[in-house]
Amino acid sequence: MSFFLMLLAGFFLPLFPLSMVFNALLARTKNPIVRVLLIFIWPQIGVFLLAWAGLPLDSGFFVGWAVLTAIFYAWRLLTVRVLSQWGGMLATSAWALAWIIAADLPANSELHSFALWMSVAPALLIFIATALQERFGAAYSGLVVGLARALPRLSSVIVVVVLAAMALPVFPSFFAMLVLLAHASTFFALPILLTWLLWSWAGTRLLNGFVFGPRAETEAADLSSTTTWGFIGLIVAIVVINLIWTGA
């Protein structure tokens, strides 16, 4: 029963190739609100299944499988150019790391928190992808470069969200990764750091494909000041809530 529950959890805290179910479902879902809800709810189902299986997990096999999945999807980010797909693969890579915490904790509260905070950046990327699709017909890295000069407000939001996706300091994912490292053995610490490094590398490539470069020749409208400040306010609120949550 425990093995079956852990295997079922592998669909929600994704283990390759079970992870393909989530990414296919995200790709088929067109409504951005539904996509965001899917990103936040999907890993929480996995946490409930692992708690039902019994924590802490006594299965090095599943933890090793999860670490390999996280590295695989982090590496895949380097070649993915569709922004919504990039966000889905980032989420897949991040959620897989939750198995390391599950192997070290008798309670599931930190697992729920980890899954929540690691879902924030992928969810925000869905809104960025929607904004780009409305203006250019697609959210495709390299389709239109040099947005920093042509659409400075949209570019600023893209930069902030991608920095959050890279789990840089101040953002919720950064503190979630510190919690993860605190629960990881030395054996798993290096693969975690490698995954983190790949996220940063992929994020830098993504910014080069959208924001930097010669001025884009486009007549697309920039974000309004109200929308921009609303988005920045949302991100600041998330950061503050996370700092209070973690006691940082």
Foldseek 3Di string as FASTA:
>chain_A
DLVVLLVVLCCQLPFPPSVVVLLVVLVPDDDLVVSLVCQLVRNVVSLVSLVVSFALDDDPPLLVRLLVLLLVLLLVLQPAFAQLSSLSSLLSSQSSLLNLVSNQDRDSPLSSLSSNQSSVLSSLSSVLQVLCCVFPVGRGFQPWAAVCVVAVLSLVLLLVSLCLSLLDPLGLNVVSLVVSCVSHDPVSNVSSVSSSVSSVVSSVSSSRRYHDDPHTPGPGDYDDPVVSVVSVVVRVVNSVVSCVVVVD
